[in-house]
């Protein structure tokens, strides 16, 4: 069904696409020499929507109009003052597909208002539709045809509804990323399925917004392996297209002790580069953490043995700056083969779980070293980047536990940003509830 829809949209939009391609140089000239450089993901203001009271599959009528989802002027100004020039605003698409009538109109208006708020601070905005598993009907798999077949169709209709309004705000400083980390099988069929989906999304947007800048990911959850399987020929004439990938490798280091990733949850005290790891210290700390868990003695032994295997493999891998460079070279080689310029490539997410408060991730010196190496490798190759994330759960927030600064000073050093003092606590409290 979705391939028939893709073909229909593609045919109806073909003239628009050709027009967009033929005028892309003029569009670029009109916008001036606009390039993304240093960005940050904003995940809290418009993701993980509020649900209707007592329901697990229905969104509230105003899913982002509560203090938890506020976007304060204090935070917006802190982002700009630190030296970021763009934000990647993640949007939970579920409410935009489920709500109707006045509630949907109000939701569309709220999205546009949030984008305008960021534009006023001289920040370029990537509007990233970013599904999450909170409501099963709108989980990530549903957007690639693995659930209700109407969801991909409704997603295209949503893109067509919102793309012209986003372009009208500022076609030079507003970009649209149709789908975050699209899940697809790591094989030829998975790549072909995602290629068809992406071409349908591209065609749908170009039919109504021929000048809007787009950010296109590969499949396989947006990893490098998915990008290098992507065929950019259908989009190559369009210079208003960027390509994106995410980088969290190796997961055993960046997400160690992360309960959301059970296969690395027992790991502790892994260092970066990998050969700095002391396997004895790592396993002793893993043993202590498992002892504090609610697992049985037998399960603790099993988990410790698993941690030992993973930690040993990590140490033997020798993962370090050279590994990161080799990984990024895969992107560079794909770009050279396909005539994609470095300024068309975005490292859309990267980050490390910290070891602070409730989080038991990487130690600060190792986290700083990894962030520095990834950021420098992206910049060396001419890629823009956006760190994950400004605030939020998961242990990668850069504005958490900041010790009196807007952004953690360690992260400031790693990203080459400006160190900015936080405003007084009273000012922060007032701003946190602003609309």
Protein backbone atom coordinates (compact mmCIF):
# COMPACT_ATOMS: atom_id res chain seq x y z
CA UNK A 1 0.00 0.00 0.00
CA UNK A 2 2.68 2.50 0.95
CA UNK A 3 4.59 1.91 -2.30
CA UNK A 4 1.47 2.74 -4.32
CA UNK A 5 1.10 5.89 -2.28
CA UNK A 6 4.76 6.74 -2.86
CA UNK A 7 4.36 6.39 -6.59
CA UNK A 8 1.23 8.53 -6.60
CA UNK A 9 2.85 11.31 -4.62
CA UNK A 10 6.00 11.14 -6.73
CA UNK A 11 4.14 11.50 -10.03
CA UNK A 12 1.95 14.34 -8.81
CA UNK A 13 4.97 16.21 -7.47
CA UNK A 14 7.45 15.63 -10.30
CA UNK A 15 7.03 19.05 -11.87
CA UNK A 16 7.49 20.73 -8.51
CA UNK A 17 10.68 18.75 -7.87
CA UNK A 18 12.13 19.69 -11.25
CA UNK A 19 11.30 23.31 -10.60
CA UNK A 20 12.93 23.14 -7.20
CA UNK A 21 16.06 21.54 -8.67
CA UNK A 22 16.40 24.04 -11.50
CA UNK A 23 16.08 27.02 -9.16
CA UNK A 24 18.12 25.63 -6.26
CA UNK A 25 21.12 27.86 -7.05
CA UNK A 26 18.93 30.94 -6.96
CA UNK A 27 17.31 29.77 -3.74
CA UNK A 28 20.71 29.30 -2.15
CA UNK A 29 21.81 32.74 -3.32
CA UNK A 30 18.67 34.32 -1.90
CA UNK A 31 19.39 32.75 1.47
CA UNK A 32 23.04 33.76 1.42
CA UNK A 33 25.91 31.63 2.68
CA UNK A 34 23.88 29.86 5.35
CA UNK A 35 25.53 26.90 6.97
CA UNK A 36 24.91 24.94 10.13
CA UNK A 37 27.85 24.60 12.48
CA UNK A 38 27.24 23.87 16.17
CA UNK A 39 23.87 22.63 17.33
CA UNK A 40 22.06 21.08 20.26
CA UNK A 41 19.02 18.82 20.39
CA UNK A 42 15.96 20.14 22.22
CA UNK A 43 13.99 17.04 23.19
CA UNK A 44 11.99 18.20 26.22
CA UNK A 45 9.67 20.94 24.87
CA UNK A 46 7.67 18.89 22.32
CA UNK A 47 8.34 15.21 22.89
CA UNK A 48 6.92 12.50 25.17
CA UNK A 49 3.53 14.18 25.01
CA UNK A 50 1.11 14.26 27.95
CA UNK A 51 -1.52 11.55 27.81
CA UNK A 52 -5.20 12.00 28.57
CA UNK A 53 -5.94 11.23 32.26
CA UNK A 54 -6.20 7.51 32.90
CA UNK A 55 -5.44 6.51 29.30
CA UNK A 56 -2.39 4.89 27.77
CA UNK A 57 -3.30 5.32 24.11
CA UNK A 58 -4.83 8.80 23.92
CA UNK A 59 -3.01 12.11 24.02
CA UNK A 60 -4.19 15.06 26.07
CA UNK A 61 -5.92 17.81 24.14
CA UNK A 62 -2.98 20.11 24.95
CA UNK A 63 -0.12 17.62 25.05
CA UNK A 64 2.75 20.11 25.39
CA UNK A 65 1.13 23.01 27.27
CA UNK A 66 2.36 22.16 30.77
CA UNK A 67 5.42 23.20 32.83
CA UNK A 68 7.27 20.01 31.96
CA UNK A 69 7.23 20.98 28.29
CA UNK A 70 7.94 24.69 28.73
CA UNK A 71 10.58 26.35 26.57
CA UNK A 72 11.89 29.23 28.66
CA UNK A 73 13.58 32.33 27.36
CA UNK A 74 16.35 31.64 29.87
CA UNK A 75 17.16 28.35 28.14
CA UNK A 76 16.84 29.80 24.64
CA UNK A 77 19.21 32.65 25.52
CA UNK A 78 21.62 30.24 27.24
CA UNK A 79 21.82 28.13 24.08
CA UNK A 80 22.58 31.13 21.90
CA UNK A 81 25.00 32.71 24.37
CA UNK A 82 27.05 29.50 24.60
CA UNK A 83 27.77 29.69 20.87
CA UNK A 84 25.27 27.28 19.36
CA UNK A 85 23.90 28.52 16.03
CA UNK A 86 21.11 25.97 15.54
CA UNK A 87 18.82 23.62 17.43
CA UNK A 88 17.28 20.34 16.41
CA UNK A 89 13.77 20.50 17.87
CA UNK A 90 12.41 16.98 18.25
CA UNK A 91 8.66 16.63 17.73
CA UNK A 92 6.52 13.70 18.87
CA UNK A 93 4.40 13.15 15.74
CA UNK A 94 1.78 11.03 17.53
CA UNK A 95 -0.42 13.91 18.74
CA UNK A 96 -0.24 15.53 15.28
CA UNK A 97 -1.73 12.34 13.82
CA UNK A 98 -4.30 11.57 16.53
CA UNK A 99 -5.74 14.96 17.50
CA UNK A 100 -8.39 16.60 15.31
CA UNK A 101 -10.25 19.84 14.69
CA UNK A 102 -9.51 22.68 17.12
CA UNK A 103 -7.08 20.64 19.20
CA UNK A 104 -4.99 19.87 16.11
CA UNK A 105 -5.10 23.48 14.93
CA UNK A 106 -3.90 24.64 18.34
CA UNK A 107 -1.11 22.06 18.28
CA UNK A 108 0.08 23.21 14.84
CA UNK A 109 0.08 26.79 16.09
CA UNK A 110 2.10 25.82 19.17
CA UNK A 111 4.76 24.18 17.01
CA UNK A 112 5.04 27.28 14.84
CA UNK A 113 5.22 29.50 17.93
CA UNK A 114 8.07 27.42 19.38
CA UNK A 115 9.97 27.66 16.10
CA UNK A 116 9.41 31.43 16.02
CA UNK A 117 10.67 31.72 19.60
CA UNK A 118 13.94 30.09 18.58
CA UNK A 119 14.22 32.12 15.38
CA UNK A 120 13.93 35.33 17.41
CA UNK A 121 17.10 34.28 19.23
CA UNK A 122 18.91 34.03 15.85
CA UNK A 123 18.93 30.25 15.99
CA UNK A 124 18.35 28.13 12.91
CA UNK A 125 15.79 25.39 13.64
CA UNK A 126 15.59 21.81 12.40
CA UNK A 127 12.05 20.53 12.96
CA UNK A 128 12.63 16.82 13.52
CA UNK A 129 9.67 14.44 13.64
CA UNK A 130 10.89 12.03 16.29
CA UNK A 131 8.57 9.13 17.25
CA UNK A 132 8.80 7.43 20.63
CA UNK A 133 7.24 4.20 21.96
CA UNK A 134 4.90 5.84 24.51
CA UNK A 135 1.76 5.13 22.44
CA UNK A 136 2.14 1.87 20.54
CA UNK A 137 0.11 3.01 17.53
CA UNK A 138 2.65 5.80 16.91
CA UNK A 139 5.86 4.04 17.88
CA UNK A 140 8.84 4.31 15.46
CA UNK A 141 8.04 1.05 13.64
CA UNK A 142 4.57 2.34 12.73
CA UNK A 143 6.06 5.06 10.53
CA UNK A 144 7.75 2.56 8.24
CA UNK A 145 4.67 0.42 7.67
CA UNK A 146 5.04 -2.13 10.46
CA UNK A 147 1.69 -1.37 12.08
CA UNK A 148 -1.48 0.36 10.96
CA UNK A 149 -0.93 1.02 7.22
CA UNK A 150 -2.73 4.34 7.63
CA UNK A 151 0.07 5.77 9.80
CA UNK A 152 2.61 6.30 6.96
CA UNK A 153 -0.17 7.88 4.88
CA UNK A 154 -1.19 10.18 7.73
CA UNK A 155 2.48 11.05 8.28
CA UNK A 156 2.78 12.23 4.64
CA UNK A 157 -0.39 14.27 5.02
CA UNK A 158 1.00 15.87 8.19
CA UNK A 159 4.23 16.78 6.39
CA UNK A 160 2.25 18.35 3.56
CA UNK A 161 0.12 20.31 6.01
CA UNK A 162 3.03 21.70 8.02
CA UNK A 163 5.81 22.10 5.45
CA UNK A 164 4.35 25.21 3.73
CA UNK A 165 3.75 26.87 7.10
CA UNK A 166 7.30 26.15 8.23
CA UNK A 167 8.68 27.48 4.95
CA UNK A 168 6.60 30.63 5.36
CA UNK A 169 8.27 31.35 8.71
CA UNK A 170 11.78 31.46 7.26
CA UNK A 171 12.74 29.16 4.40
CA UNK A 172 16.43 29.86 4.97
CA UNK A 173 16.60 29.19 8.72
CA UNK A 174 13.94 26.49 9.18
CA UNK A 175 14.68 22.93 8.08
CA UNK A 176 12.48 19.85 8.15
CA UNK A 177 13.64 16.35 9.05
CA UNK A 178 10.69 14.11 8.12
CA UNK A 179 11.55 11.13 10.36
CA UNK A 180 14.15 10.48 13.04
CA UNK A 181 16.19 7.25 13.11
CA UNK A 182 13.98 5.26 10.73
CA UNK A 183 14.10 1.59 11.70
CA UNK A 184 14.86 -0.71 8.82
CA UNK A 185 16.45 -4.11 8.38
CA UNK A 186 20.22 -4.20 7.97
CA UNK A 187 20.05 -5.81 4.54
CA UNK A 188 19.32 -4.94 0.92
CA UNK A 189 15.56 -5.27 1.34
CA UNK A 190 15.59 -2.99 4.39
CA UNK A 191 17.57 -0.39 2.47
CA UNK A 192 15.18 -0.60 -0.50
CA UNK A 193 12.12 -0.29 1.74
CA UNK A 194 13.50 2.80 3.45
CA UNK A 195 14.57 4.31 0.12
CA UNK A 196 10.98 4.09 -1.11
CA UNK A 197 9.61 5.60 2.12
CA UNK A 198 12.10 8.48 2.01
CA UNK A 199 11.39 9.26 -1.62
CA UNK A 200 7.67 9.41 -0.78
CA UNK A 201 8.35 11.83 2.08
CA UNK A 202 10.62 13.97 -0.08
CA UNK A 203 8.09 14.12 -2.90
CA UNK A 204 5.24 14.96 -0.53
CA UNK A 205 7.15 17.91 0.91
CA UNK A 206 8.49 19.17 -2.40
CA UNK A 207 4.96 19.19 -3.85
CA UNK A 208 3.97 21.91 -1.38
CA UNK A 209 7.27 23.47 -0.25
CA UNK A 210 9.79 23.37 -3.10
CA UNK A 211 12.27 25.65 -1.31
CA UNK A 212 12.17 24.28 2.24
CA UNK A 213 15.50 22.85 3.30
CA UNK A 214 15.30 19.14 4.17
CA UNK A 215 17.37 16.82 6.36
CA UNK A 216 17.34 13.22 5.11
CA UNK A 217 18.55 10.20 7.12
CA UNK A 218 19.56 6.74 6.08
CA UNK A 219 17.83 3.70 7.52
CA UNK A 220 19.04 1.33 10.24
CA UNK A 221 18.11 3.83 12.99
CA UNK A 222 20.12 6.59 11.35
CA UNK A 223 23.53 4.98 11.85
CA UNK A 224 26.42 5.32 9.42
CA UNK A 225 25.61 1.86 8.08
CA UNK A 226 22.18 3.12 7.04
CA UNK A 227 23.43 6.33 5.44
CA UNK A 228 25.98 4.58 3.25
CA UNK A 229 23.19 2.32 1.91
CA UNK A 230 21.14 5.36 0.90
CA UNK A 231 20.99 6.25 -2.80
CA UNK A 232 20.98 10.07 -2.98
CA UNK A 233 20.49 10.27 -6.75
CA UNK A 234 16.77 11.20 -6.51
CA UNK A 235 17.75 14.23 -4.39
CA UNK A 236 21.20 15.06 -5.77
CA UNK A 237 20.17 18.02 -7.92
CA UNK A 238 18.52 19.65 -4.89
CA UNK A 239 21.09 21.68 -2.95
CA UNK A 240 18.47 22.38 -0.29
CA UNK A 241 19.00 18.86 1.03
CA UNK A 242 21.25 17.78 3.89
CA UNK A 243 22.04 14.19 4.90
CA UNK A 244 22.35 13.10 8.50
CA UNK A 245 23.71 10.29 10.66
CA UNK A 246 23.96 9.64 14.41
CA UNK A 247 26.99 8.44 16.37
CA UNK A 248 27.02 6.81 19.81
CA UNK A 249 29.72 4.20 19.26
CA UNK A 250 30.79 2.18 21.06
CA UNK A 251 27.55 1.72 23.00
CA UNK A 252 29.30 -0.23 25.75
CA UNK A 253 31.19 2.98 26.57
CA UNK A 254 28.68 5.73 25.77
CA UNK A 255 25.72 3.97 27.42
CA UNK A 256 27.40 1.91 30.14
CA UNK A 257 25.03 1.22 33.06
CA UNK A 258 22.10 2.67 31.09
CA UNK A 259 18.98 0.73 32.23
CA UNK A 260 17.26 1.62 28.95
CA UNK A 261 19.83 -0.61 27.21
CA UNK A 262 19.81 -3.84 29.22
CA UNK A 263 22.59 -5.43 27.20
CA UNK A 264 25.08 -2.81 28.50
CA UNK A 265 23.42 -2.12 31.86
CA UNK A 266 25.84 -4.21 34.00
CA UNK A 267 28.92 -2.41 32.62
CA UNK A 268 30.85 0.08 34.74
CA UNK A 269 34.17 1.92 34.82
CA UNK A 270 34.85 1.57 31.11
CA UNK A 271 37.32 4.22 30.01
CA UNK A 272 38.07 6.00 26.75
CA UNK A 273 40.18 5.22 24.81
CA UNK A 274 39.39 1.56 25.41
CA UNK A 275 42.90 0.53 26.45
CA UNK A 276 42.66 2.84 29.47
CA UNK A 277 40.09 0.44 30.90
CA UNK A 278 41.21 -1.66 33.86
CA UNK A 279 39.23 -4.86 33.57
CA UNK A 280 39.72 -5.60 37.28
CA UNK A 281 38.35 -2.20 38.36
CA UNK A 282 35.52 -2.44 35.86
CA UNK A 283 34.39 -5.85 37.05
CA UNK A 284 34.75 -4.93 40.72
CA UNK A 285 32.48 -1.92 40.20
CA UNK A 286 30.02 -3.99 38.17
CA UNK A 287 29.96 -6.53 41.02
CA UNK A 288 29.22 -3.78 43.57
CA UNK A 289 26.37 -2.37 41.49
CA UNK A 290 24.84 -5.77 40.90
CA UNK A 291 25.02 -6.47 44.64
CA UNK A 292 22.84 -3.39 45.21
CA UNK A 293 20.29 -4.58 42.66
CA UNK A 294 17.24 -6.74 43.30
CA UNK A 295 18.58 -9.60 41.22
CA UNK A 296 19.00 -13.04 42.72
CA UNK A 297 22.51 -14.30 43.45
CA UNK A 298 22.33 -16.56 40.41
CA UNK A 299 21.23 -13.71 38.13
CA UNK A 300 23.98 -11.48 39.53
CA UNK A 301 26.61 -14.09 38.64
CA UNK A 302 25.17 -14.43 35.13
CA UNK A 303 25.16 -10.67 34.61
CA UNK A 304 28.71 -10.34 35.93
CA UNK A 305 29.93 -12.98 33.48
CA UNK A 306 28.19 -11.10 30.67
CA UNK A 307 29.78 -7.83 31.78
CA UNK A 308 33.19 -9.51 31.81
CA UNK A 309 32.77 -10.70 28.22
CA UNK A 310 31.65 -7.30 26.92
CA UNK A 311 34.30 -5.34 28.86
CA UNK A 312 37.05 -7.67 27.63
CA UNK A 313 35.89 -7.33 24.03
CA UNK A 314 35.80 -3.54 24.42
CA UNK A 315 39.37 -3.47 25.79
CA UNK A 316 40.60 -5.72 22.97
CA UNK A 317 38.94 -3.50 20.36
CA UNK A 318 41.35 -0.68 21.16
CA UNK A 319 38.56 1.81 20.35
CA UNK A 320 39.97 5.34 20.20
CA UNK A 321 40.36 8.42 18.00
CA UNK A 322 41.58 6.35 15.04
CA UNK A 323 38.42 4.24 15.22
CA UNK A 324 36.23 7.34 15.12
CA UNK A 325 38.18 8.62 12.12
CA UNK A 326 37.71 5.31 10.29
CA UNK A 327 33.98 5.37 11.03
CA UNK A 328 33.61 8.91 9.71
CA UNK A 329 35.65 8.01 6.63
CA UNK A 330 32.81 5.68 5.63
CA UNK A 331 30.55 8.76 5.44
CA UNK A 332 33.18 10.72 3.55
CA UNK A 333 33.69 7.93 1.01
CA UNK A 334 29.91 7.67 0.44
CA UNK A 335 29.76 11.45 -0.06
CA UNK A 336 32.63 11.44 -2.55
CA UNK A 337 31.04 8.63 -4.56
CA UNK A 338 27.74 10.49 -4.73
CA UNK A 339 28.82 14.08 -5.19
CA UNK A 340 27.60 15.16 -1.75
CA UNK A 341 29.43 18.21 -0.36
CA UNK A 342 30.71 18.21 3.24
CA UNK A 343 28.40 21.10 4.16
CA UNK A 344 25.46 18.87 3.23
CA UNK A 345 26.30 16.40 6.02
CA UNK A 346 25.00 16.71 9.59
CA UNK A 347 26.05 14.66 12.59
CA UNK A 348 22.57 14.93 14.06
CA UNK A 349 23.14 13.25 17.45
CA UNK A 350 26.07 12.17 19.61
CA UNK A 351 26.56 11.95 23.37
CA UNK A 352 27.69 10.00 26.43
CA UNK A 353 25.77 9.15 29.62
CA UNK A 354 27.39 10.99 32.52
CA UNK A 355 28.36 9.66 35.94
CA UNK A 356 26.48 12.03 38.19
CA UNK A 357 23.41 11.90 40.44
CA UNK A 358 21.17 9.03 39.34
CA UNK A 359 23.38 8.21 36.36
CA UNK A 360 26.32 5.82 36.43
CA UNK A 361 27.85 6.36 33.03
CA UNK A 362 31.31 7.42 31.94
CA UNK A 363 33.65 9.41 34.18
CA UNK A 364 33.99 13.09 33.22
CA UNK A 365 37.57 12.89 31.82
CA UNK A 366 36.63 10.02 29.53
CA UNK A 367 33.33 11.60 28.52
CA UNK A 368 35.15 14.85 27.72
CA UNK A 369 37.76 13.03 25.64
CA UNK A 370 35.14 11.13 23.59
CA UNK A 371 33.00 14.24 22.99
CA UNK A 372 36.08 16.23 21.98
CA UNK A 373 37.30 13.59 19.54
CA UNK A 374 33.90 13.13 17.88
CA UNK A 375 33.29 16.88 17.61
CA UNK A 376 36.75 17.55 16.16
CA UNK A 377 36.43 14.71 13.65
CA UNK A 378 33.13 16.14 12.40
CA UNK A 379 34.59 19.63 12.12
CA UNK A 380 37.76 18.37 10.43
CA UNK A 381 35.62 16.88 7.68
CA UNK A 382 33.42 19.98 7.33
CA UNK A 383 30.29 18.44 8.89
CA UNK A 384 27.87 20.32 11.13
CA UNK A 385 26.93 18.67 14.42
CA UNK A 386 24.23 18.66 17.11
CA UNK A 387 24.90 17.17 20.54
CA UNK A 388 22.27 15.14 22.35
CA UNK A 389 20.71 16.90 24.35
CA UNK A 390 20.14 20.19 26.21
CA UNK A 391 17.92 18.96 29.05
CA UNK A 392 16.03 15.76 29.76
CA UNK A 393 16.21 12.28 31.18
CA UNK A 394 18.74 9.66 30.13
CA UNK A 395 21.95 11.15 31.49
CA UNK A 396 23.14 13.01 28.40
CA UNK A 397 21.66 16.43 29.23
CA UNK A 398 24.39 19.07 29.00
CA UNK A 399 22.52 21.63 31.11
CA UNK A 400 22.00 19.31 34.10
CA UNK A 401 24.09 19.55 37.28
CA UNK A 402 25.86 22.59 35.84
CA UNK A 403 27.33 23.95 39.09
CA UNK A 404 26.24 27.52 38.44
CA UNK A 405 26.77 27.57 34.68
CA UNK A 406 24.24 27.36 31.87
CA UNK A 407 26.05 24.33 30.43
CA UNK A 408 28.35 21.87 32.17
CA UNK A 409 31.87 23.41 31.94
CA UNK A 410 33.29 20.04 30.90
CA UNK A 411 30.93 19.95 27.92
CA UNK A 412 31.79 23.56 27.10
CA UNK A 413 35.47 22.58 26.82
CA UNK A 414 34.73 19.46 24.79
CA UNK A 415 32.54 21.32 22.29
CA UNK A 416 34.62 24.49 22.06
CA UNK A 417 31.78 26.67 23.37
CA UNK A 418 31.62 29.78 25.54
CA UNK A 419 31.28 29.40 29.32
CA UNK A 420 28.22 31.36 30.49
CA UNK A 421 27.06 31.87 34.07
CA UNK A 422 23.52 30.85 34.98
CA UNK A 423 21.07 33.60 35.99
CA UNK A 424 19.97 33.79 39.64
CA UNK A 425 17.81 30.88 40.79
CA UNK A 426 14.73 33.07 41.09
CA UNK A 427 15.01 34.19 37.49
CA UNK A 428 15.37 30.60 36.36
CA UNK A 429 12.31 29.53 38.31
CA UNK A 430 10.21 32.31 36.80
CA UNK A 431 11.41 31.52 33.29
CA UNK A 432 10.80 27.80 33.60
CA UNK A 433 7.04 28.33 33.59
CA UNK A 434 7.00 30.91 30.79
CA UNK A 435 5.14 30.24 27.57
